[in-house]
Amino acid sequence: MVWRTINGERTLLSTDPGQMLADQTGYWAFNLLIISLLFTPLSKWFRLRWVGYRRAVGLWAFAYAVIHVLVFYWLILGANLSSFGRELVQRPYIVLGASALFLLLLLAVTSNQFSMRRLKKRWKDLHQWVYLAAMLVAIHALWQIKGDWGWPMVQAITVMLLLGVRLWWVLQRRLSAAK
């Protein structure tokens, strides 16, 4: 946000600082989610030991998503619950964002050693839902674009590529297991 202000692109002193904060927190929540998804492929391809950072980055993505929703609710809707209900009906992309936030909440709550031990294999299955959350966020971001499609398209394509890589790995494992 500071960088954009310095470059004169946006400023907190704009006519709608609430909208600017909502845009920026959503933008960074999505970027952090994508970065968390990049750790596994980068670790496998380049033999890096970055997977340990994935949880922290994922939790930061969740934190930014929560801030994004709180900014939207308090600064844009004025903490009016009936306005929030109207927004859900008038702007279905908000339902997608809320669904993604719910999935991220489940993942954040279970991102600890206790949950890993307790859920065992189901923990890994549960955390594969991050890809659905990422797709929902991508659609949420693309659906509300009014102008520049550049960065949201890059984000959506990145999510699709990461999902494609995961699907490729699953297919390879199943084919090798079938032999």
N, C-alpha and C. Protein backbone atom coordinates (compact mmCIF):
# COMPACT_ATOMS: atom_id res chain seq x y z
N MET A 1 0.83 -1.19 0.00
CA MET A 1 0.00 0.00 0.00
C MET A 1 0.87 1.25 0.00
N VAL A 2 1.95 1.19 0.80
CA VAL A 2 2.87 2.32 0.85
C VAL A 2 3.51 2.54 -0.51
N TRP A 3 3.95 1.45 -1.17
CA TRP A 3 4.58 1.54 -2.48
C TRP A 3 3.64 2.19 -3.49
N ARG A 4 2.39 1.80 -3.50
CA ARG A 4 1.43 2.38 -4.44
C ARG A 4 1.19 3.86 -4.14
N THR A 5 1.21 4.22 -2.88
CA THR A 5 1.03 5.62 -2.51
C THR A 5 2.23 6.44 -2.97
N ILE A 6 3.44 5.90 -2.76
CA ILE A 6 4.66 6.59 -3.19
C ILE A 6 4.66 6.80 -4.69
N ASN A 7 4.22 5.79 -5.43
CA ASN A 7 4.19 5.88 -6.89
C ASN A 7 2.99 6.67 -7.42
N GLY A 8 2.14 7.13 -6.54
CA GLY A 8 1.01 7.94 -6.96
C GLY A 8 -0.13 7.15 -7.57
N GLU A 9 -0.08 5.81 -7.47
CA GLU A 9 -1.16 5.00 -8.04
C GLU A 9 -2.42 5.11 -7.22
N ARG A 10 -2.26 5.01 -5.91
CA ARG A 10 -3.40 5.07 -4.99
C ARG A 10 -2.95 5.77 -3.73
N THR A 11 -3.89 6.24 -3.01
CA THR A 11 -3.55 6.88 -1.75
C THR A 11 -4.64 6.61 -0.72
N LEU A 12 -4.24 6.55 0.52
CA LEU A 12 -5.21 6.39 1.59
C LEU A 12 -6.11 7.61 1.70
N LEU A 13 -5.68 8.70 1.08
CA LEU A 13 -6.47 9.92 1.10
C LEU A 13 -7.39 10.00 -0.12
N SER A 14 -7.66 8.86 -0.76
CA SER A 14 -8.53 8.85 -1.93
C SER A 14 -9.96 9.14 -1.50
N THR A 15 -10.84 9.20 -2.47
CA THR A 15 -12.24 9.48 -2.16
C THR A 15 -12.90 8.31 -1.44
N ASP A 16 -12.33 7.12 -1.55
CA ASP A 16 -12.90 5.95 -0.89
C ASP A 16 -11.79 5.09 -0.29
N PRO A 17 -11.23 5.52 0.84
CA PRO A 17 -10.13 4.74 1.44
C PRO A 17 -10.57 3.35 1.89
N GLY A 18 -11.83 3.17 2.25
CA GLY A 18 -12.33 1.85 2.63
C GLY A 18 -12.23 0.88 1.47
N GLN A 19 -12.63 1.34 0.29
CA GLN A 19 -12.55 0.49 -0.90
C GLN A 19 -11.10 0.17 -1.24
N MET A 20 -10.22 1.17 -1.10
CA MET A 20 -8.81 0.94 -1.37
C MET A 20 -8.24 -0.10 -0.40
N LEU A 21 -8.58 0.00 0.88
CA LEU A 21 -8.10 -0.98 1.86
C LEU A 21 -8.67 -2.36 1.59
N ALA A 22 -9.93 -2.44 1.21
CA ALA A 22 -10.55 -3.73 0.87
C ALA A 22 -9.85 -4.34 -0.34
N ASP A 23 -9.60 -3.54 -1.36
CA ASP A 23 -8.90 -4.03 -2.55
C ASP A 23 -7.52 -4.56 -2.21
N GLN A 24 -6.78 -3.78 -1.45
CA GLN A 24 -5.40 -4.15 -1.13
C GLN A 24 -5.31 -5.37 -0.21
N THR A 25 -6.17 -5.45 0.78
CA THR A 25 -6.13 -6.62 1.66
C THR A 25 -6.56 -7.88 0.92
N GLY A 26 -7.53 -7.76 0.03
CA GLY A 26 -7.93 -8.90 -0.80
C GLY A 26 -6.82 -9.31 -1.75
N TYR A 27 -6.19 -8.33 -2.35
CA TYR A 27 -5.08 -8.56 -3.28
C TYR A 27 -3.96 -9.32 -2.58
N TRP A 28 -3.59 -8.89 -1.39
CA TRP A 28 -2.50 -9.54 -0.68
C TRP A 28 -2.91 -10.88 -0.08
N ALA A 29 -4.16 -11.03 0.30
CA ALA A 29 -4.62 -12.34 0.77
C ALA A 29 -4.48 -13.36 -0.36
N PHE A 30 -4.87 -12.96 -1.56
CA PHE A 30 -4.79 -13.86 -2.72
C PHE A 30 -3.33 -14.15 -3.08
N ASN A 31 -2.50 -13.12 -3.09
CA ASN A 31 -1.08 -13.32 -3.39
C ASN A 31 -0.43 -14.28 -2.39
N LEU A 32 -0.71 -14.09 -1.10
CA LEU A 32 -0.14 -14.97 -0.09
C LEU A 32 -0.66 -16.40 -0.22
N LEU A 33 -1.92 -16.54 -0.59
CA LEU A 33 -2.47 -17.88 -0.82
C LEU A 33 -1.74 -18.56 -1.97
N ILE A 34 -1.50 -17.84 -3.05
CA ILE A 34 -0.77 -18.39 -4.19
C ILE A 34 0.66 -18.75 -3.79
N ILE A 35 1.31 -17.88 -3.04
CA ILE A 35 2.67 -18.16 -2.59
C ILE A 35 2.70 -19.43 -1.74
N SER A 36 1.70 -19.60 -0.88
CA SER A 36 1.66 -20.82 -0.05
C SER A 36 1.51 -22.06 -0.92
N LEU A 37 0.80 -21.94 -2.04
CA LEU A 37 0.63 -23.07 -2.94
C LEU A 37 1.88 -23.35 -3.77
N LEU A 38 2.72 -22.35 -3.93
CA LEU A 38 3.95 -22.51 -4.71
C LEU A 38 5.06 -23.27 -3.98
N PHE A 39 4.98 -23.32 -2.65
CA PHE A 39 6.07 -23.94 -1.90
C PHE A 39 6.32 -25.40 -2.28
N THR A 40 5.28 -26.19 -2.41
CA THR A 40 5.47 -27.62 -2.71
C THR A 40 6.10 -27.84 -4.09
N PRO A 41 5.55 -27.25 -5.17
CA PRO A 41 6.20 -27.47 -6.46
C PRO A 41 7.65 -26.97 -6.50
N LEU A 42 7.89 -25.79 -5.93
CA LEU A 42 9.25 -25.27 -5.94
C LEU A 42 10.19 -26.16 -5.14
N SER A 43 9.70 -26.68 -4.04
CA SER A 43 10.52 -27.58 -3.22
C SER A 43 10.83 -28.87 -3.97
N LYS A 44 9.85 -29.41 -4.68
CA LYS A 44 10.06 -30.65 -5.42
C LYS A 44 10.99 -30.44 -6.62
N TRP A 45 10.78 -29.36 -7.36
CA TRP A 45 11.55 -29.14 -8.58
C TRP A 45 12.98 -28.70 -8.31
N PHE A 46 13.18 -27.88 -7.30
CA PHE A 46 14.51 -27.31 -7.05
C PHE A 46 15.16 -27.82 -5.77
N ARG A 47 14.54 -28.85 -5.17
CA ARG A 47 15.06 -29.46 -3.95
C ARG A 47 15.33 -28.42 -2.85
N LEU A 48 14.39 -27.52 -2.72
CA LEU A 48 14.47 -26.50 -1.68
C LEU A 48 13.75 -26.98 -0.44
N ARG A 49 14.13 -26.50 0.67
CA ARG A 49 13.49 -26.92 1.93
C ARG A 49 12.63 -25.77 2.48
N TRP A 50 11.70 -25.34 1.65
CA TRP A 50 10.84 -24.21 2.02
C TRP A 50 9.48 -24.64 2.51
N VAL A 51 9.18 -25.92 2.45
CA VAL A 51 7.83 -26.38 2.79
C VAL A 51 7.46 -25.98 4.21
N GLY A 52 8.44 -25.87 5.09
CA GLY A 52 8.16 -25.47 6.48
C GLY A 52 7.55 -24.08 6.60
N TYR A 53 7.75 -23.25 5.61
CA TYR A 53 7.20 -21.89 5.63
C TYR A 53 5.77 -21.83 5.11
N ARG A 54 5.34 -22.90 4.47
CA ARG A 54 4.02 -22.91 3.83
C ARG A 54 2.90 -22.62 4.83
N ARG A 55 2.96 -23.23 6.00
CA ARG A 55 1.91 -23.03 7.01
C ARG A 55 1.83 -21.57 7.43
N ALA A 56 2.98 -20.96 7.71
CA ALA A 56 2.99 -19.56 8.15
C ALA A 56 2.42 -18.64 7.06
N VAL A 57 2.82 -18.87 5.83
CA VAL A 57 2.31 -18.02 4.74
C VAL A 57 0.82 -18.25 4.55
N GLY A 58 0.38 -19.50 4.65
CA GLY A 58 -1.06 -19.79 4.55
C GLY A 58 -1.86 -19.11 5.65
N LEU A 59 -1.30 -19.10 6.86
CA LEU A 59 -2.00 -18.42 7.96
C LEU A 59 -2.03 -16.92 7.75
N TRP A 60 -0.97 -16.36 7.18
CA TRP A 60 -0.98 -14.93 6.85
C TRP A 60 -2.02 -14.63 5.76
N ALA A 61 -2.16 -15.53 4.81
CA ALA A 61 -3.18 -15.36 3.77
C ALA A 61 -4.57 -15.33 4.42
N PHE A 62 -4.80 -16.24 5.35
CA PHE A 62 -6.07 -16.26 6.07
C PHE A 62 -6.28 -14.96 6.85
N ALA A 63 -5.23 -14.49 7.53
CA ALA A 63 -5.33 -13.25 8.31
C ALA A 63 -5.70 -12.08 7.40
N TYR A 64 -5.04 -11.98 6.25
CA TYR A 64 -5.38 -10.90 5.31
C TYR A 64 -6.80 -11.04 4.79
N ALA A 65 -7.26 -12.28 4.57
CA ALA A 65 -8.64 -12.48 4.11
C ALA A 65 -9.64 -12.03 5.17
N VAL A 66 -9.34 -12.32 6.43
CA VAL A 66 -10.22 -11.88 7.52
C VAL A 66 -10.24 -10.35 7.58
N ILE A 67 -9.08 -9.73 7.48
CA ILE A 67 -9.00 -8.26 7.48
C ILE A 67 -9.79 -7.71 6.29
N HIS A 68 -9.67 -8.36 5.14
CA HIS A 68 -10.39 -7.95 3.93
C HIS A 68 -11.90 -7.91 4.21
N VAL A 69 -12.42 -8.97 4.83
CA VAL A 69 -13.85 -9.04 5.13
C VAL A 69 -14.24 -8.00 6.17
N LEU A 70 -13.41 -7.83 7.19
CA LEU A 70 -13.72 -6.84 8.22
C LEU A 70 -13.71 -5.41 7.66
N VAL A 71 -12.77 -5.11 6.78
CA VAL A 71 -12.74 -3.79 6.14
C VAL A 71 -14.01 -3.60 5.31
N PHE A 72 -14.38 -4.62 4.55
CA PHE A 72 -15.59 -4.54 3.74
C PHE A 72 -16.82 -4.31 4.62
N TYR A 73 -16.91 -5.08 5.70
CA TYR A 73 -18.08 -4.99 6.57
C TYR A 73 -18.14 -3.66 7.32
N TRP A 74 -17.03 -3.23 7.90
CA TRP A 74 -17.06 -2.02 8.72
C TRP A 74 -16.90 -0.73 7.92
N LEU A 75 -15.96 -0.70 7.03
CA LEU A 75 -15.68 0.58 6.34
C LEU A 75 -16.56 0.81 5.12
N ILE A 76 -16.96 -0.25 4.45
CA ILE A 76 -17.78 -0.06 3.25
C ILE A 76 -19.27 -0.17 3.58
N LEU A 77 -19.64 -1.17 4.38
CA LEU A 77 -21.06 -1.37 4.70
C LEU A 77 -21.48 -0.70 6.00
N GLY A 78 -20.55 -0.10 6.71
CA GLY A 78 -20.89 0.57 7.95
C GLY A 78 -21.36 -0.37 9.04
N ALA A 79 -20.85 -1.60 9.06
CA ALA A 79 -21.19 -2.62 10.07
C ALA A 79 -22.70 -2.88 10.10
N ASN A 80 -23.33 -2.84 8.95
CA ASN A 80 -24.77 -3.05 8.83
C ASN A 80 -25.02 -4.46 8.31
N LEU A 81 -25.55 -5.33 9.16
CA LEU A 81 -25.76 -6.72 8.80
C LEU A 81 -26.79 -6.88 7.68
N SER A 82 -27.82 -6.05 7.66
CA SER A 82 -28.82 -6.16 6.58
C SER A 82 -28.20 -5.75 5.24
N SER A 83 -27.28 -4.77 5.27
CA SER A 83 -26.57 -4.41 4.04
C SER A 83 -25.73 -5.56 3.54
N PHE A 84 -25.13 -6.29 4.49
CA PHE A 84 -24.32 -7.44 4.11
C PHE A 84 -25.19 -8.49 3.43
N GLY A 85 -26.37 -8.74 3.96
CA GLY A 85 -27.31 -9.69 3.34
C GLY A 85 -27.71 -9.25 1.95
N ARG A 86 -27.98 -7.95 1.78
CA ARG A 86 -28.31 -7.42 0.46
C ARG A 86 -27.16 -7.59 -0.52
N GLU A 87 -25.94 -7.33 -0.04
CA GLU A 87 -24.76 -7.49 -0.90
C GLU A 87 -24.60 -8.93 -1.36
N LEU A 88 -24.90 -9.89 -0.48
CA LEU A 88 -24.80 -11.30 -0.86
C LEU A 88 -25.76 -11.63 -2.00
N VAL A 89 -26.94 -11.04 -1.97
CA VAL A 89 -27.94 -11.30 -3.01
C VAL A 89 -27.59 -10.55 -4.29
N GLN A 90 -27.19 -9.29 -4.18
CA GLN A 90 -26.91 -8.47 -5.36
C GLN A 90 -25.57 -8.79 -6.01
N ARG A 91 -24.61 -9.26 -5.23
CA ARG A 91 -23.27 -9.51 -5.76
C ARG A 91 -22.85 -10.93 -5.39
N PRO A 92 -23.19 -11.91 -6.24
CA PRO A 92 -22.90 -13.31 -5.92
C PRO A 92 -21.42 -13.62 -5.75
N TYR A 93 -20.54 -12.79 -6.30
CA TYR A 93 -19.11 -13.05 -6.12
C TYR A 93 -18.72 -12.96 -4.64
N ILE A 94 -19.52 -12.26 -3.86
CA ILE A 94 -19.25 -12.18 -2.41
C ILE A 94 -19.51 -13.55 -1.77
N VAL A 95 -20.49 -14.29 -2.28
CA VAL A 95 -20.76 -15.63 -1.76
C VAL A 95 -19.54 -16.53 -2.01
N LEU A 96 -18.93 -16.38 -3.19
CA LEU A 96 -17.73 -17.18 -3.48
C LEU A 96 -16.60 -16.81 -2.53
N GLY A 97 -16.41 -15.51 -2.29
CA GLY A 97 -15.38 -15.08 -1.35
C GLY A 97 -15.65 -15.59 0.05
N ALA A 98 -16.91 -15.54 0.48
CA ALA A 98 -17.26 -16.03 1.81
C ALA A 98 -17.05 -17.54 1.91
N SER A 99 -17.36 -18.26 0.85
CA SER A 99 -17.13 -19.72 0.83
C SER A 99 -15.64 -20.02 0.94
N ALA A 100 -14.84 -19.27 0.21
CA ALA A 100 -13.38 -19.45 0.28
C ALA A 100 -12.88 -19.14 1.68
N LEU A 101 -13.41 -18.09 2.29
CA LEU A 101 -12.99 -17.74 3.66
C LEU A 101 -13.36 -18.85 4.63
N PHE A 102 -14.53 -19.45 4.46
CA PHE A 102 -14.92 -20.56 5.33
C PHE A 102 -13.94 -21.73 5.19
N LEU A 103 -13.57 -22.06 3.96
CA LEU A 103 -12.60 -23.13 3.75
C LEU A 103 -11.25 -22.78 4.38
N LEU A 104 -10.82 -21.53 4.20
CA LEU A 104 -9.55 -21.10 4.80
C LEU A 104 -9.62 -21.14 6.32
N LEU A 105 -10.79 -20.84 6.88
CA LEU A 105 -10.97 -20.93 8.33
C LEU A 105 -10.76 -22.37 8.80
N LEU A 106 -11.37 -23.32 8.10
CA LEU A 106 -11.18 -24.74 8.45
C LEU A 106 -9.71 -25.13 8.39
N LEU A 107 -9.03 -24.66 7.36
CA LEU A 107 -7.62 -24.99 7.20
C LEU A 107 -6.77 -24.32 8.28
N ALA A 108 -7.09 -23.07 8.61
CA ALA A 108 -6.33 -22.35 9.63
C ALA A 108 -6.50 -23.00 11.00
N VAL A 109 -7.73 -23.38 11.33
CA VAL A 109 -8.01 -23.99 12.63
C VAL A 109 -7.30 -25.34 12.77
N THR A 110 -7.14 -26.05 11.65
CA THR A 110 -6.51 -27.37 11.71
C THR A 110 -5.04 -27.34 11.31
N SER A 111 -4.44 -26.17 11.22
CA SER A 111 -3.03 -26.05 10.86
C SER A 111 -2.14 -26.09 12.09
N ASN A 112 -2.22 -27.17 12.81
CA ASN A 112 -1.39 -27.34 14.01
C ASN A 112 -1.08 -28.82 14.18
N GLN A 113 -0.08 -29.08 14.98
CA GLN A 113 0.37 -30.46 15.18
C GLN A 113 -0.72 -31.33 15.81
N PHE A 114 -1.48 -30.77 16.74
CA PHE A 114 -2.55 -31.53 17.38
C PHE A 114 -3.55 -32.04 16.35
N SER A 115 -3.97 -31.16 15.44
CA SER A 115 -4.94 -31.56 14.41
C SER A 115 -4.33 -32.58 13.45
N MET A 116 -3.05 -32.41 13.13
CA MET A 116 -2.39 -33.36 12.24
C MET A 116 -2.39 -34.77 12.86
N ARG A 117 -2.07 -34.84 14.15
CA ARG A 117 -2.06 -36.14 14.84
C ARG A 117 -3.47 -36.71 14.97
N ARG A 118 -4.40 -35.85 15.28
CA ARG A 118 -5.78 -36.30 15.53
C ARG A 118 -6.47 -36.76 14.24
N LEU A 119 -6.28 -36.00 13.14
CA LEU A 119 -6.97 -36.30 11.89
C LEU A 119 -6.23 -37.31 11.02
N LYS A 120 -4.93 -37.49 11.24
CA LYS A 120 -4.08 -38.42 10.48
C LYS A 120 -4.22 -38.20 8.98
N LYS A 121 -4.60 -39.22 8.22
CA LYS A 121 -4.68 -39.08 6.76
C LYS A 121 -5.77 -38.09 6.35
N ARG A 122 -6.81 -37.99 7.14
CA ARG A 122 -7.89 -37.05 6.81
C ARG A 122 -7.39 -35.61 6.83
N TRP A 123 -6.34 -35.32 7.61
CA TRP A 123 -5.78 -33.97 7.66
C TRP A 123 -5.28 -33.58 6.27
N LYS A 124 -4.53 -34.47 5.64
CA LYS A 124 -4.01 -34.18 4.31
C LYS A 124 -5.15 -34.02 3.31
N ASP A 125 -6.16 -34.87 3.41
CA ASP A 125 -7.33 -34.75 2.52
C ASP A 125 -8.03 -33.41 2.73
N LEU A 126 -8.19 -33.02 3.99
CA LEU A 126 -8.83 -31.74 4.29
C LEU A 126 -8.04 -30.58 3.70
N HIS A 127 -6.73 -30.63 3.82
CA HIS A 127 -5.91 -29.51 3.37
C HIS A 127 -5.76 -29.45 1.85
N GLN A 128 -6.24 -30.47 1.14
CA GLN A 128 -6.29 -30.38 -0.32
C GLN A 128 -7.40 -29.41 -0.77
N TRP A 129 -8.31 -29.10 0.16
CA TRP A 129 -9.39 -28.15 -0.15
C TRP A 129 -8.87 -26.75 -0.39
N VAL A 130 -7.60 -26.51 -0.09
CA VAL A 130 -7.02 -25.20 -0.35
C VAL A 130 -7.09 -24.86 -1.84
N TYR A 131 -7.07 -25.88 -2.69
CA TYR A 131 -7.15 -25.63 -4.13
C TYR A 131 -8.54 -25.16 -4.53
N LEU A 132 -9.58 -25.71 -3.92
CA LEU A 132 -10.93 -25.21 -4.16
C LEU A 132 -11.04 -23.77 -3.66
N ALA A 133 -10.49 -23.50 -2.48
CA ALA A 133 -10.52 -22.13 -1.95
C ALA A 133 -9.83 -21.18 -2.91
N ALA A 134 -8.68 -21.58 -3.44
CA ALA A 134 -7.94 -20.72 -4.38
C ALA A 134 -8.75 -20.47 -5.65
N MET A 135 -9.43 -21.51 -6.15
CA MET A 135 -10.26 -21.31 -7.34
C MET A 135 -11.43 -20.37 -7.05
N LEU A 136 -12.05 -20.53 -5.88
CA LEU A 136 -13.15 -19.63 -5.51
C LEU A 136 -12.67 -18.19 -5.40
N VAL A 137 -11.48 -18.00 -4.83
CA VAL A 137 -10.92 -16.65 -4.72
C VAL A 137 -10.62 -16.09 -6.11
N ALA A 138 -10.11 -16.93 -7.00
CA ALA A 138 -9.81 -16.46 -8.37
C ALA A 138 -11.09 -15.99 -9.06
N ILE A 139 -12.15 -16.77 -8.95
CA ILE A 139 -13.42 -16.38 -9.57
C ILE A 139 -13.97 -15.13 -8.89
N HIS A 140 -13.87 -15.08 -7.56
CA HIS A 140 -14.29 -13.91 -6.79
C HIS A 140 -13.59 -12.66 -7.30
N ALA A 141 -12.29 -12.76 -7.52
CA ALA A 141 -11.51 -11.60 -7.99
C ALA A 141 -11.86 -11.23 -9.43
N LEU A 142 -11.98 -12.22 -10.30
CA LEU A 142 -12.26 -11.93 -11.71
C LEU A 142 -13.68 -11.39 -11.92
N TRP A 143 -14.63 -11.89 -11.14
CA TRP A 143 -16.03 -11.54 -11.34
C TRP A 143 -16.31 -10.07 -11.04
N GLN A 144 -15.51 -9.46 -10.19
CA GLN A 144 -15.82 -8.09 -9.80
C GLN A 144 -14.98 -7.04 -10.51
N ILE A 145 -14.19 -7.46 -11.49
CA ILE A 145 -13.31 -6.51 -12.19
C ILE A 145 -14.14 -5.54 -13.02
N LYS A 146 -13.77 -4.29 -12.88
CA LYS A 146 -14.44 -3.25 -13.66
C LYS A 146 -13.49 -2.63 -14.68
N GLY A 147 -12.20 -2.86 -14.52
CA GLY A 147 -11.24 -2.21 -15.42
C GLY A 147 -10.10 -3.13 -15.81
N ASP A 148 -8.98 -3.02 -15.13
CA ASP A 148 -7.76 -3.72 -15.47
C ASP A 148 -7.83 -5.20 -15.09
N TRP A 149 -7.78 -6.06 -16.09
CA TRP A 149 -7.83 -7.51 -15.88
C TRP A 149 -6.45 -8.11 -15.70
N GLY A 150 -5.41 -7.33 -15.83
CA GLY A 150 -4.04 -7.83 -15.85
C GLY A 150 -3.66 -8.73 -14.70
N TRP A 151 -3.51 -8.17 -13.51
CA TRP A 151 -3.03 -8.95 -12.38
C TRP A 151 -4.01 -10.04 -11.94
N PRO A 152 -5.32 -9.77 -11.88
CA PRO A 152 -6.24 -10.86 -11.51
C PRO A 152 -6.17 -12.05 -12.48
N MET A 153 -5.93 -11.79 -13.77
CA MET A 153 -5.78 -12.89 -14.72
C MET A 153 -4.50 -13.67 -14.45
N VAL A 154 -3.42 -12.97 -14.13
CA VAL A 154 -2.16 -13.64 -13.79
C VAL A 154 -2.38 -14.54 -12.57
N GLN A 155 -3.08 -14.02 -11.58
CA GLN A 155 -3.36 -14.80 -10.38
C GLN A 155 -4.20 -16.03 -10.71
N ALA A 156 -5.26 -15.85 -11.49
CA ALA A 156 -6.15 -16.97 -11.83
C ALA A 156 -5.41 -18.02 -12.65
N ILE A 157 -4.61 -17.61 -13.61
CA ILE A 157 -3.84 -18.55 -14.43
C ILE A 157 -2.82 -19.29 -13.57
N THR A 158 -2.21 -18.60 -12.63
CA THR A 158 -1.25 -19.24 -11.72
C THR A 158 -1.95 -20.32 -10.90
N VAL A 159 -3.14 -20.02 -10.39
CA VAL A 159 -3.90 -21.01 -9.62
C VAL A 159 -4.22 -22.21 -10.51
N MET A 160 -4.64 -21.96 -11.75
CA MET A 160 -4.97 -23.06 -12.66
C MET A 160 -3.74 -23.91 -12.95
N LEU A 161 -2.59 -23.28 -13.16
CA LEU A 161 -1.36 -24.03 -13.41
C LEU A 161 -0.96 -24.87 -12.21
N LEU A 162 -1.06 -24.28 -11.02
CA LEU A 162 -0.72 -25.03 -9.80
C LEU A 162 -1.66 -26.21 -9.60
N LEU A 163 -2.93 -26.02 -9.87
CA LEU A 163 -3.89 -27.13 -9.78
C LEU A 163 -3.56 -28.19 -10.83
N GLY A 164 -3.19 -27.75 -12.03
CA GLY A 164 -2.80 -28.69 -13.08
C GLY A 164 -1.60 -29.53 -12.69
N VAL A 165 -0.61 -28.90 -12.07
CA VAL A 165 0.57 -29.62 -11.60
C VAL A 165 0.17 -30.66 -10.57
N ARG A 166 -0.68 -30.28 -9.62
CA ARG A 166 -1.14 -31.22 -8.60
C ARG A 166 -1.88 -32.40 -9.23
N LEU A 167 -2.77 -32.10 -10.17
CA LEU A 167 -3.51 -33.17 -10.83
C LEU A 167 -2.57 -34.10 -11.60
N TRP A 168 -1.56 -33.55 -12.24
CA TRP A 168 -0.56 -34.33 -12.96
C TRP A 168 0.15 -35.28 -12.00
N TRP A 169 0.54 -34.79 -10.84
CA TRP A 169 1.22 -35.63 -9.85
C TRP A 169 0.31 -36.76 -9.37
N VAL A 170 -0.96 -36.44 -9.15
CA VAL A 170 -1.91 -37.46 -8.70
C VAL A 170 -2.07 -38.53 -9.78
N LEU A 171 -2.22 -38.11 -11.03
CA LEU A 171 -2.35 -39.07 -12.13
C LEU A 171 -1.11 -39.94 -12.27
N GLN A 172 0.07 -39.35 -12.14
CA GLN A 172 1.31 -40.12 -12.21
C GLN A 172 1.38 -41.16 -11.12
N ARG A 173 1.00 -40.78 -9.89
CA ARG A 173 1.01 -41.71 -8.77
C ARG A 173 0.03 -42.88 -9.01
N ARG A 174 -1.14 -42.55 -9.50
CA ARG A 174 -2.15 -43.60 -9.72
C ARG A 174 -1.73 -44.54 -10.85
N LEU A 175 -1.13 -43.96 -11.91
CA LEU A 175 -0.68 -44.82 -13.01
C LEU A 175 0.46 -45.72 -12.58
N SER A 176 1.38 -45.20 -11.79
CA SER A 176 2.51 -46.03 -11.33
C SER A 176 2.04 -47.07 -10.31
N ALA A 177 1.01 -46.76 -9.53
CA ALA A 177 0.47 -47.73 -8.58
C ALA A 177 -0.32 -48.82 -9.27
N ALA A 178 -0.90 -48.52 -10.43
CA ALA A 178 -1.69 -49.49 -11.17
C ALA A 178 -0.80 -50.52 -11.88
N LYS A 179 0.47 -50.21 -12.06
CA LYS A 179 1.39 -51.14 -12.78
C LYS A 179 1.80 -52.29 -11.95
